[in-house]
N, C-alpha and C. Protein backbone atom coordinates (compact mmCIF):
# COMPACT_ATOMS: atom_id res chain seq x y z
N GLN A 1 28.84 -14.96 3.24
CA GLN A 1 29.08 -14.34 4.54
C GLN A 1 27.79 -14.32 5.36
N VAL A 2 27.97 -14.47 6.64
CA VAL A 2 26.85 -14.37 7.57
C VAL A 2 26.93 -13.04 8.30
N GLN A 3 25.81 -12.37 8.41
CA GLN A 3 25.73 -11.13 9.19
C GLN A 3 24.74 -11.34 10.33
N VAL A 4 25.07 -10.75 11.48
CA VAL A 4 24.16 -10.80 12.62
C VAL A 4 24.01 -9.40 13.18
N VAL A 5 22.79 -9.08 13.59
CA VAL A 5 22.50 -7.75 14.13
C VAL A 5 21.69 -7.93 15.41
N GLU A 6 22.21 -7.35 16.50
CA GLU A 6 21.52 -7.45 17.78
C GLU A 6 20.58 -6.27 17.99
N SER A 7 19.61 -6.49 18.86
CA SER A 7 18.73 -5.42 19.31
C SER A 7 18.15 -5.81 20.65
N GLY A 8 17.61 -4.83 21.35
CA GLY A 8 16.88 -5.13 22.58
C GLY A 8 17.55 -4.74 23.87
N GLY A 9 18.75 -4.20 23.81
CA GLY A 9 19.40 -3.80 25.05
C GLY A 9 18.73 -2.57 25.65
N GLY A 10 19.20 -2.21 26.84
CA GLY A 10 18.65 -1.03 27.48
C GLY A 10 19.01 -0.96 28.94
N LEU A 11 18.32 -0.09 29.64
CA LEU A 11 18.54 0.13 31.07
C LEU A 11 17.39 -0.50 31.84
N VAL A 12 17.73 -1.28 32.85
CA VAL A 12 16.71 -1.95 33.65
C VAL A 12 17.16 -1.99 35.10
N GLN A 13 16.20 -2.03 36.01
CA GLN A 13 16.55 -2.10 37.42
C GLN A 13 16.86 -3.55 37.83
N THR A 14 17.57 -3.68 38.93
CA THR A 14 17.86 -5.01 39.47
C THR A 14 16.57 -5.80 39.64
N GLY A 15 16.62 -7.05 39.18
CA GLY A 15 15.45 -7.90 39.24
C GLY A 15 14.57 -7.85 38.01
N GLY A 16 14.85 -6.93 37.12
CA GLY A 16 14.06 -6.78 35.92
C GLY A 16 14.44 -7.76 34.83
N SER A 17 13.79 -7.60 33.69
CA SER A 17 13.99 -8.51 32.56
C SER A 17 14.21 -7.73 31.27
N LEU A 18 14.93 -8.36 30.38
CA LEU A 18 15.13 -7.84 29.03
C LEU A 18 15.19 -9.02 28.08
N ARG A 19 14.80 -8.79 26.84
CA ARG A 19 14.97 -9.81 25.82
C ARG A 19 15.78 -9.22 24.68
N LEU A 20 16.88 -9.89 24.37
CA LEU A 20 17.71 -9.50 23.25
C LEU A 20 17.35 -10.34 22.04
N SER A 21 17.49 -9.73 20.88
CA SER A 21 17.26 -10.44 19.62
C SER A 21 18.49 -10.34 18.75
N CYS A 22 18.69 -11.36 17.93
CA CYS A 22 19.81 -11.37 16.99
C CYS A 22 19.29 -11.91 15.67
N ALA A 23 19.24 -11.04 14.68
CA ALA A 23 18.77 -11.43 13.36
C ALA A 23 19.95 -11.82 12.48
N ALA A 24 19.89 -13.01 11.92
CA ALA A 24 20.95 -13.50 11.06
C ALA A 24 20.52 -13.39 9.60
N SER A 25 21.49 -13.08 8.74
CA SER A 25 21.21 -12.99 7.32
C SER A 25 22.44 -13.44 6.54
N GLY A 26 22.27 -13.58 5.25
CA GLY A 26 23.38 -14.02 4.42
C GLY A 26 23.38 -15.53 4.25
N ASP A 27 24.53 -16.14 4.33
CA ASP A 27 24.71 -17.57 4.10
C ASP A 27 24.38 -18.36 5.37
N ILE A 28 23.13 -18.26 5.83
CA ILE A 28 22.76 -18.84 7.12
C ILE A 28 22.80 -20.36 7.11
N GLY A 29 22.79 -20.96 5.94
CA GLY A 29 22.85 -22.42 5.87
C GLY A 29 24.13 -23.01 6.43
N CYS A 30 25.18 -22.19 6.55
CA CYS A 30 26.45 -22.71 7.04
C CYS A 30 26.60 -22.57 8.55
N ILE A 31 25.61 -21.96 9.20
CA ILE A 31 25.71 -21.71 10.64
C ILE A 31 25.65 -23.02 11.43
N SER A 32 26.68 -23.29 12.20
CA SER A 32 26.74 -24.50 13.02
C SER A 32 26.54 -24.21 14.50
N ALA A 33 26.64 -22.97 14.87
CA ALA A 33 26.45 -22.60 16.27
C ALA A 33 26.11 -21.13 16.35
N MET A 34 25.31 -20.78 17.33
CA MET A 34 25.01 -19.38 17.61
C MET A 34 24.97 -19.19 19.11
N GLY A 35 25.31 -17.99 19.51
CA GLY A 35 25.30 -17.75 20.94
C GLY A 35 25.43 -16.30 21.29
N TRP A 36 25.50 -16.06 22.57
CA TRP A 36 25.63 -14.71 23.12
C TRP A 36 26.88 -14.64 23.99
N PHE A 37 27.63 -13.58 23.79
CA PHE A 37 28.77 -13.27 24.61
C PHE A 37 28.53 -11.89 25.23
N ARG A 38 29.30 -11.57 26.24
CA ARG A 38 29.20 -10.23 26.81
C ARG A 38 30.58 -9.76 27.27
N GLN A 39 30.72 -8.45 27.29
CA GLN A 39 31.97 -7.86 27.74
C GLN A 39 31.67 -6.66 28.63
N ALA A 40 32.08 -6.78 29.86
CA ALA A 40 31.92 -5.69 30.81
C ALA A 40 33.17 -4.80 30.77
N PRO A 41 33.06 -3.56 31.20
CA PRO A 41 34.22 -2.66 31.18
C PRO A 41 35.40 -3.25 31.95
N GLY A 42 36.56 -3.26 31.30
CA GLY A 42 37.76 -3.75 31.94
C GLY A 42 37.89 -5.25 32.02
N LYS A 43 36.93 -5.95 31.43
CA LYS A 43 36.96 -7.42 31.48
C LYS A 43 37.01 -7.99 30.07
N GLU A 44 37.38 -9.26 29.99
CA GLU A 44 37.42 -9.93 28.71
C GLU A 44 36.01 -10.36 28.29
N ARG A 45 35.85 -10.53 27.00
CA ARG A 45 34.58 -11.04 26.49
C ARG A 45 34.40 -12.47 26.97
N GLU A 46 33.18 -12.78 27.42
CA GLU A 46 32.91 -14.11 27.94
C GLU A 46 31.65 -14.70 27.32
N LEU A 47 31.63 -16.02 27.25
CA LEU A 47 30.46 -16.72 26.76
C LEU A 47 29.35 -16.65 27.79
N VAL A 48 28.16 -16.29 27.32
CA VAL A 48 26.98 -16.30 28.17
C VAL A 48 26.20 -17.59 27.94
N THR A 49 25.90 -17.86 26.68
CA THR A 49 25.16 -19.07 26.32
C THR A 49 25.29 -19.31 24.83
N ASN A 50 25.21 -20.57 24.43
CA ASN A 50 25.20 -20.88 23.01
C ASN A 50 24.49 -22.20 22.73
N ILE A 51 24.18 -22.39 21.47
CA ILE A 51 23.61 -23.64 20.99
C ILE A 51 24.48 -24.11 19.84
N ILE A 52 24.93 -25.37 19.92
CA ILE A 52 25.82 -25.91 18.90
C ILE A 52 25.10 -27.04 18.18
N ASP A 53 24.99 -26.90 16.84
CA ASP A 53 24.46 -27.97 15.99
C ASP A 53 23.15 -28.55 16.54
N ASP A 54 22.22 -27.67 16.88
CA ASP A 54 20.90 -28.09 17.35
C ASP A 54 20.95 -28.93 18.62
N GLY A 55 22.03 -28.83 19.33
CA GLY A 55 22.14 -29.56 20.59
C GLY A 55 21.53 -28.77 21.73
N SER A 56 21.77 -29.25 22.92
CA SER A 56 21.26 -28.57 24.10
C SER A 56 22.05 -27.28 24.32
N PRO A 57 21.39 -26.26 24.83
CA PRO A 57 22.11 -25.01 25.08
C PRO A 57 23.10 -25.14 26.23
N ASN A 58 24.15 -24.35 26.14
CA ASN A 58 25.14 -24.26 27.21
C ASN A 58 25.00 -22.89 27.86
N TYR A 59 25.16 -22.84 29.17
CA TYR A 59 25.05 -21.58 29.90
C TYR A 59 26.24 -21.39 30.82
N ALA A 60 26.67 -20.16 30.93
CA ALA A 60 27.65 -19.84 31.96
C ALA A 60 27.00 -20.03 33.32
N ASP A 61 27.78 -20.46 34.29
CA ASP A 61 27.23 -20.70 35.62
C ASP A 61 26.55 -19.46 36.19
N SER A 62 27.07 -18.31 35.85
CA SER A 62 26.56 -17.07 36.43
C SER A 62 25.16 -16.72 35.94
N VAL A 63 24.70 -17.33 34.86
CA VAL A 63 23.38 -16.99 34.32
C VAL A 63 22.40 -18.15 34.34
N LYS A 64 22.85 -19.32 34.75
CA LYS A 64 21.97 -20.49 34.78
C LYS A 64 20.75 -20.21 35.66
N GLY A 65 19.60 -20.58 35.13
CA GLY A 65 18.36 -20.38 35.86
C GLY A 65 17.75 -19.00 35.69
N ARG A 66 18.51 -18.09 35.09
CA ARG A 66 18.01 -16.73 34.90
C ARG A 66 17.88 -16.36 33.42
N PHE A 67 18.80 -16.86 32.61
CA PHE A 67 18.79 -16.53 31.18
C PHE A 67 18.35 -17.76 30.38
N THR A 68 17.68 -17.49 29.27
CA THR A 68 17.25 -18.57 28.38
C THR A 68 17.52 -18.18 26.94
N ILE A 69 18.20 -19.06 26.24
CA ILE A 69 18.46 -18.84 24.81
C ILE A 69 17.42 -19.62 24.02
N SER A 70 16.97 -19.02 22.93
CA SER A 70 16.02 -19.69 22.06
C SER A 70 16.18 -19.15 20.65
N ARG A 71 15.57 -19.81 19.71
CA ARG A 71 15.68 -19.32 18.34
C ARG A 71 14.40 -19.64 17.57
N ASP A 72 14.15 -18.79 16.61
CA ASP A 72 13.03 -18.96 15.70
C ASP A 72 13.64 -19.17 14.32
N ASN A 73 13.70 -20.41 13.89
CA ASN A 73 14.36 -20.71 12.62
C ASN A 73 13.62 -20.08 11.44
N ALA A 74 12.32 -19.94 11.55
CA ALA A 74 11.55 -19.35 10.46
C ALA A 74 11.93 -17.87 10.27
N LYS A 75 12.32 -17.22 11.35
CA LYS A 75 12.69 -15.81 11.29
C LYS A 75 14.20 -15.61 11.28
N ASN A 76 14.95 -16.71 11.34
CA ASN A 76 16.42 -16.62 11.40
C ASN A 76 16.86 -15.71 12.54
N THR A 77 16.22 -15.87 13.67
CA THR A 77 16.48 -14.98 14.80
C THR A 77 16.76 -15.79 16.06
N LEU A 78 17.78 -15.32 16.78
CA LEU A 78 18.17 -15.87 18.06
C LEU A 78 17.74 -14.92 19.14
N TYR A 79 17.31 -15.45 20.27
CA TYR A 79 16.86 -14.62 21.37
C TYR A 79 17.62 -14.95 22.65
N LEU A 80 17.66 -13.97 23.52
CA LEU A 80 18.19 -14.19 24.86
C LEU A 80 17.23 -13.52 25.84
N GLN A 81 16.48 -14.34 26.55
CA GLN A 81 15.60 -13.84 27.58
C GLN A 81 16.38 -13.76 28.89
N MET A 82 16.45 -12.58 29.45
CA MET A 82 17.23 -12.36 30.67
C MET A 82 16.29 -11.93 31.78
N ASN A 83 16.20 -12.74 32.81
CA ASN A 83 15.35 -12.45 33.96
C ASN A 83 16.20 -12.29 35.21
N SER A 84 15.61 -11.73 36.22
CA SER A 84 16.29 -11.54 37.51
C SER A 84 17.66 -10.90 37.31
N LEU A 85 17.69 -9.85 36.54
CA LEU A 85 18.95 -9.21 36.20
C LEU A 85 19.63 -8.60 37.41
N LYS A 86 20.95 -8.65 37.38
CA LYS A 86 21.78 -8.12 38.47
C LYS A 86 22.73 -7.07 37.91
N PRO A 87 23.23 -6.19 38.75
CA PRO A 87 24.21 -5.20 38.27
C PRO A 87 25.42 -5.86 37.59
N ASP A 88 25.81 -7.05 38.05
CA ASP A 88 26.94 -7.75 37.43
C ASP A 88 26.65 -8.19 36.00
N ASP A 89 25.40 -8.14 35.59
CA ASP A 89 25.06 -8.49 34.21
C ASP A 89 25.29 -7.31 33.26
N THR A 90 25.61 -6.17 33.80
CA THR A 90 25.87 -4.99 32.97
C THR A 90 27.05 -5.24 32.05
N ALA A 91 26.83 -5.09 30.76
CA ALA A 91 27.86 -5.36 29.77
C ALA A 91 27.32 -5.04 28.38
N VAL A 92 28.22 -5.05 27.42
CA VAL A 92 27.80 -5.06 26.02
C VAL A 92 27.62 -6.51 25.62
N TYR A 93 26.47 -6.82 25.09
CA TYR A 93 26.14 -8.19 24.70
C TYR A 93 26.29 -8.33 23.18
N TYR A 94 27.00 -9.37 22.79
CA TYR A 94 27.28 -9.61 21.38
C TYR A 94 26.68 -10.93 20.93
N CYS A 95 26.08 -10.91 19.77
CA CYS A 95 25.62 -12.13 19.14
C CYS A 95 26.76 -12.70 18.30
N ASN A 96 26.87 -14.01 18.33
CA ASN A 96 27.91 -14.70 17.58
C ASN A 96 27.30 -15.82 16.77
N ALA A 97 27.76 -15.94 15.54
CA ALA A 97 27.37 -17.07 14.70
C ALA A 97 28.64 -17.70 14.14
N VAL A 98 28.71 -19.01 14.20
CA VAL A 98 29.84 -19.74 13.65
C VAL A 98 29.40 -20.39 12.34
N CYS A 99 30.12 -20.05 11.29
CA CYS A 99 29.84 -20.62 9.98
C CYS A 99 30.87 -21.71 9.70
N THR A 100 30.40 -22.90 9.41
CA THR A 100 31.31 -24.02 9.18
C THR A 100 31.00 -24.68 7.84
N THR A 101 32.05 -24.78 7.01
CA THR A 101 31.92 -25.50 5.75
C THR A 101 33.03 -26.54 5.68
N LEU A 102 33.08 -27.27 4.60
CA LEU A 102 34.16 -28.26 4.44
C LEU A 102 35.53 -27.58 4.31
N GLU A 103 35.52 -26.33 3.82
CA GLU A 103 36.79 -25.65 3.56
C GLU A 103 37.24 -24.74 4.68
N PHE A 104 36.31 -24.18 5.46
CA PHE A 104 36.71 -23.20 6.44
C PHE A 104 35.66 -23.05 7.52
N GLU A 105 36.04 -22.31 8.53
CA GLU A 105 35.14 -21.96 9.62
C GLU A 105 35.46 -20.53 10.05
N TYR A 106 34.44 -19.73 10.30
CA TYR A 106 34.68 -18.37 10.77
C TYR A 106 33.56 -17.93 11.67
N ASP A 107 33.88 -16.89 12.45
CA ASP A 107 32.90 -16.28 13.36
C ASP A 107 32.37 -14.98 12.78
N SER A 108 31.09 -14.76 12.97
CA SER A 108 30.49 -13.47 12.67
C SER A 108 30.00 -12.86 13.97
N TRP A 109 30.25 -11.58 14.13
CA TRP A 109 29.87 -10.87 15.35
C TRP A 109 28.98 -9.69 15.01
N GLY A 110 28.03 -9.44 15.89
CA GLY A 110 27.25 -8.23 15.75
C GLY A 110 27.98 -7.05 16.34
N GLN A 111 27.33 -5.89 16.28
CA GLN A 111 27.96 -4.67 16.77
C GLN A 111 27.85 -4.53 18.29
N GLY A 112 27.00 -5.36 18.87
CA GLY A 112 26.82 -5.33 20.32
C GLY A 112 25.66 -4.45 20.72
N THR A 113 25.07 -4.79 21.84
CA THR A 113 23.98 -3.99 22.40
C THR A 113 24.21 -3.85 23.90
N GLN A 114 24.09 -2.64 24.39
CA GLN A 114 24.39 -2.35 25.78
C GLN A 114 23.25 -2.77 26.69
N VAL A 115 23.59 -3.49 27.74
CA VAL A 115 22.65 -3.82 28.81
C VAL A 115 23.19 -3.22 30.10
N THR A 116 22.40 -2.39 30.72
CA THR A 116 22.80 -1.76 31.98
C THR A 116 21.76 -2.07 33.04
N VAL A 117 22.21 -2.65 34.14
CA VAL A 117 21.33 -3.00 35.25
C VAL A 117 21.67 -2.10 36.43
N SER A 118 20.73 -1.30 36.83
CA SER A 118 20.96 -0.37 37.93
C SER A 118 20.61 -1.03 39.26
N SER A 119 21.35 -0.63 40.29
CA SER A 119 21.11 -1.22 41.61
C SER A 119 20.10 -0.42 42.41
């Protein structure tokens, strides 16, 4: 099993920055993709950004040019650098890891970390 734990959320003013971290543990060798999702009140969970199989990162149009995903393989940690934050970025941010083997594939989710951007 793969476990992921997020950290780094908080309250920030419009235009500010935050960096989220996601520490992965367990059977990390099966991870084929990792990314960040977010869910705002009353809305569905949406993809923010992800990296699949060491490929180029994908970003939602709403965060392109402002958010950057990166990872430190030595630390088994995924990061999300968020700059120029807007009130619309307010949401619970979730780390996601996809574990893929020959027999199965499953998602692991963190508990989420709250990001609040004040206007």
